[in-house]
Amino acid sequence: MSSGEDFGFAPPPFNAENALLTLKRALRDLNLAERGNAFELRGKRVVEWAIEGEAIQARLARRPLLTPEWDRIAVKSATDQRKLIDEMKKRLARWEHDE
């Protein structure tokens, strides 16, 4: 078998609006507070997003500050979505440890 065979299955097309709903649910489960197009941790923005075309453009704070430095992440697939959630979990754990 070649590694390029897909057995006739293709992943479902990425739907940014549905992915955003899932992302919001996951971030609320991490005890972040939703404010407009962002989520906050103790009153400080730590995640912002916007839907652009067929993707979610997200910004993750490097540290929870009033004016944080941001890392940009483009979410164009379910895999990217999982990576974003995993990265947010890592950052929250690191921030709790640093306090």
C-alpha atoms as a PDB file:
ATOM      1  CA  MET A   1       0.000   0.000   0.000  1.00  0.00           C
ATOM      2  CA  SER A   2       1.215   3.447  -0.761  1.00  0.00           C
ATOM      3  CA  SER A   3       1.144   6.075   1.932  1.00  0.00           C
ATOM      4  CA  GLY A   4      -0.953   8.291  -0.362  1.00  0.00           C
ATOM      5  CA  GLU A   5      -4.010   6.028  -0.273  1.00  0.00           C
ATOM      6  CA  ASP A   6      -6.976   7.525   1.531  1.00  0.00           C
ATOM      7  CA  PHE A   7      -9.303   4.509   1.351  1.00  0.00           C
ATOM      8  CA  GLY A   8     -11.964   6.720  -0.224  1.00  0.00           C
ATOM      9  CA  PHE A   9     -12.367   8.874   2.883  1.00  0.00           C
ATOM     10  CA  ALA A  10     -11.748  12.584   2.983  1.00  0.00           C
ATOM     11  CA  PRO A  11     -11.884  14.729   6.101  1.00  0.00           C
ATOM     12  CA  PRO A  12     -15.001  16.875   6.311  1.00  0.00           C
ATOM     13  CA  PRO A  13     -14.552  20.426   5.043  1.00  0.00           C
ATOM     14  CA  PHE A  14     -13.500  22.906   7.708  1.00  0.00           C
ATOM     15  CA  ASN A  15     -16.315  25.173   8.871  1.00  0.00           C
ATOM     16  CA  ALA A  16     -14.873  28.202  10.683  1.00  0.00           C
ATOM     17  CA  GLU A  17     -18.154  29.170  12.371  1.00  0.00           C
ATOM     18  CA  ASN A  18     -18.722  25.692  13.833  1.00  0.00           C
ATOM     19  CA  ALA A  19     -15.066  25.478  14.827  1.00  0.00           C
ATOM     20  CA  LEU A  20     -15.373  28.807  16.634  1.00  0.00           C
ATOM     21  CA  LEU A  21     -18.327  27.490  18.648  1.00  0.00           C
ATOM     22  CA  THR A  22     -16.266  24.451  19.670  1.00  0.00           C
ATOM     23  CA  LEU A  23     -13.294  26.668  20.483  1.00  0.00           C
ATOM     24  CA  LYS A  24     -15.413  28.954  22.657  1.00  0.00           C
ATOM     25  CA  ARG A  25     -16.813  25.972  24.556  1.00  0.00           C
ATOM     26  CA  ALA A  26     -13.308  24.621  25.187  1.00  0.00           C
ATOM     27  CA  LEU A  27     -12.060  28.001  26.423  1.00  0.00           C
ATOM     28  CA  ARG A  28     -15.047  28.387  28.772  1.00  0.00           C
ATOM     29  CA  ASP A  29     -14.215  24.903  30.106  1.00  0.00           C
ATOM     30  CA  LEU A  30     -10.766  26.300  30.952  1.00  0.00           C
ATOM     31  CA  ASN A  31     -12.505  28.897  33.171  1.00  0.00           C
ATOM     32  CA  LEU A  32     -11.832  31.822  30.853  1.00  0.00           C
ATOM     33  CA  ALA A  33     -14.415  34.604  30.645  1.00  0.00           C
ATOM     34  CA  GLU A  34     -15.806  35.504  27.223  1.00  0.00           C
ATOM     35  CA  ARG A  35     -15.842  39.226  26.387  1.00  0.00           C
ATOM     36  CA  GLY A  36     -16.851  40.124  22.827  1.00  0.00           C
ATOM     37  CA  ASN A  37     -14.391  38.512  20.439  1.00  0.00           C
ATOM     38  CA  ALA A  38     -11.970  37.538  23.196  1.00  0.00           C
ATOM     39  CA  PHE A  39     -11.496  35.535  26.366  1.00  0.00           C
ATOM     40  CA  GLU A  40     -10.009  36.902  29.569  1.00  0.00           C
ATOM     41  CA  LEU A  41      -8.213  35.506  32.566  1.00  0.00           C
ATOM     42  CA  ARG A  42      -8.791  37.619  35.687  1.00  0.00           C
ATOM     43  CA  GLY A  43      -9.702  40.674  33.585  1.00  0.00           C
ATOM     44  CA  LYS A  44      -6.743  40.393  31.185  1.00  0.00           C
ATOM     45  CA  ARG A  45      -7.249  39.386  27.550  1.00  0.00           C
ATOM     46  CA  VAL A  46      -5.455  36.165  26.727  1.00  0.00           C
ATOM     47  CA  VAL A  47      -7.178  35.058  23.475  1.00  0.00           C
ATOM     48  CA  GLU A  48      -8.685  37.083  20.652  1.00  0.00           C
ATOM     49  CA  TRP A  49     -10.105  35.843  17.350  1.00  0.00           C
ATOM     50  CA  ALA A  50     -11.680  36.866  14.072  1.00  0.00           C
ATOM     51  CA  ILE A  51     -13.143  34.789  11.256  1.00  0.00           C
ATOM     52  CA  GLU A  52     -11.453  35.646   7.964  1.00  0.00           C
ATOM     53  CA  GLY A  53     -12.742  33.687   4.993  1.00  0.00           C
ATOM     54  CA  GLU A  54     -12.618  29.981   5.779  1.00  0.00           C
ATOM     55  CA  ALA A  55     -10.246  30.341   8.746  1.00  0.00           C
ATOM     56  CA  ILE A  56     -10.116  31.640  12.299  1.00  0.00           C
ATOM     57  CA  GLN A  57      -7.308  34.104  12.962  1.00  0.00           C
ATOM     58  CA  ALA A  58      -6.442  33.832  16.648  1.00  0.00           C
ATOM     59  CA  ARG A  59      -4.069  35.756  18.861  1.00  0.00           C
ATOM     60  CA  LEU A  60      -2.757  34.198  22.078  1.00  0.00           C
ATOM     61  CA  ALA A  61      -1.132  36.308  24.770  1.00  0.00           C
ATOM     62  CA  ARG A  62       2.395  35.278  25.654  1.00  0.00           C
ATOM     63  CA  ARG A  63       1.635  36.309  29.245  1.00  0.00           C
ATOM     64  CA  PRO A  64      -1.536  37.680  30.875  1.00  0.00           C
ATOM     65  CA  LEU A  65      -0.798  41.406  31.007  1.00  0.00           C
ATOM     66  CA  LEU A  66      -2.915  44.516  30.443  1.00  0.00           C
ATOM     67  CA  THR A  67      -1.085  45.063  27.118  1.00  0.00           C
ATOM     68  CA  PRO A  68       0.289  41.632  26.209  1.00  0.00           C
ATOM     69  CA  GLU A  69       2.553  40.567  23.385  1.00  0.00           C
ATOM     70  CA  TRP A  70       0.646  38.313  21.014  1.00  0.00           C
ATOM     71  CA  ASP A  71       1.343  35.157  19.028  1.00  0.00           C
ATOM     72  CA  ARG A  72      -0.796  34.715  15.916  1.00  0.00           C
ATOM     73  CA  ILE A  73      -2.261  31.348  14.973  1.00  0.00           C
ATOM     74  CA  ALA A  74      -4.322  30.595  11.868  1.00  0.00           C
ATOM     75  CA  VAL A  75      -6.920  27.870  12.405  1.00  0.00           C
ATOM     76  CA  LYS A  76      -7.748  26.289   9.043  1.00  0.00           C
ATOM     77  CA  SER A  77      -8.510  22.702  10.078  1.00  0.00           C
ATOM     78  CA  ALA A  78      -9.653  20.561  12.992  1.00  0.00           C
ATOM     79  CA  THR A  79      -5.990  19.744  13.636  1.00  0.00           C
ATOM     80  CA  ASP A  80      -5.144  23.454  13.956  1.00  0.00           C
ATOM     81  CA  GLN A  81      -8.102  23.856  16.304  1.00  0.00           C
ATOM     82  CA  ARG A  82      -6.830  21.075  18.593  1.00  0.00           C
ATOM     83  CA  LYS A  83      -3.337  22.598  18.531  1.00  0.00           C
ATOM     84  CA  LEU A  84      -4.732  25.989  19.586  1.00  0.00           C
ATOM     85  CA  ILE A  85      -6.665  24.476  22.501  1.00  0.00           C
ATOM     86  CA  ASP A  86      -3.622  22.431  23.579  1.00  0.00           C
ATOM     87  CA  GLU A  87      -1.402  25.516  23.397  1.00  0.00           C
ATOM     88  CA  MET A  88      -3.861  27.504  25.524  1.00  0.00           C
ATOM     89  CA  LYS A  89      -3.895  24.712  28.130  1.00  0.00           C
ATOM     90  CA  LYS A  90      -0.071  24.764  28.255  1.00  0.00           C
ATOM     91  CA  ARG A  91       0.024  28.526  28.672  1.00  0.00           C
ATOM     92  CA  LEU A  92      -2.582  28.501  31.439  1.00  0.00           C
ATOM     93  CA  ALA A  93      -0.629  25.808  33.307  1.00  0.00           C
ATOM     94  CA  ARG A  94       2.604  27.795  32.890  1.00  0.00           C
ATOM     95  CA  TRP A  95       0.969  31.031  34.068  1.00  0.00           C
ATOM     96  CA  GLU A  96      -0.466  29.330  37.162  1.00  0.00           C
ATOM     97  CA  HIS A  97       2.959  27.858  37.950  1.00  0.00           C
ATOM     98  CA  ASP A  98       4.692  31.229  37.509  1.00  0.00           C
ATOM     99  CA  GLU A  99       2.401  33.018  39.989  1.00  0.00           C
END
